Amino acid sequence: MEELALHILDLAQNSLAAGATVLAITVAEDVAADRLTITIADNGRGMEPEFVRRVLDPFTTTRTTRRVGLGLSLLAMTARQCEGDVKIESEKGQGTRVTATFRLRHWDRPPLGDLPATLVTILAGAPNLDLTYRHTVAGRTFSFGARKVREELQELPLNEPKVLVFLREYLEEALRNLHGGGKDDA
């Protein structure tokens, strides 16, 4: 995948397929330590320990439509090429946490990509998901929570097209401010 945002979208899709109702996405850009950390945690059905040990093998999948599951194995390959790794913690019935680390300024690290589009796509497909997003850049943090937006909108669904356009523009501006050095405590 050309962008890390597509890996995040793939992992979110896996979480939703596993019945998750809560999804927490965290992106931490530690410039001083030259480290990028992406964490996706859910409350889905989780995995058995034996399956977790094999899950980075591209021929391990729960899918019945094909025999390969490339998402996690490609993410792990990309992370390792960038002096990082992937760690998976999962407990049956409790959920799963995937943490991917990369050297932030590694020549081969793919760009983060279009994170606002990724978040809006997740919300369009799962408007009742309790999605939280936290992004830190050099000590500055932006946080977003779908629950709070739903409370503000009251009966207007989160996947209403005008709401999705607003959310995308809001997220684009917030992340632009975060990377531009402005303090955004939204």
Foldseek 3Di string as FASTA:
>chain_A
DQALLVLVLVVLVVQVVLVFQEWEWEWECAPVVQKIKIKIKTQGQWDDPVLQVCVLPQQRDPDPVDRGDHSNVVLQVLLVVQVWGWDWDTDGRGIIMIMGMGRNPRPSRRHNPQNLVSVLVSCLVPQSRFYKYWYAHNHAIEIDTSVVVCVVVPPDTCNDPVNSVVSSVVVVVVVVCRVVVHHDHD
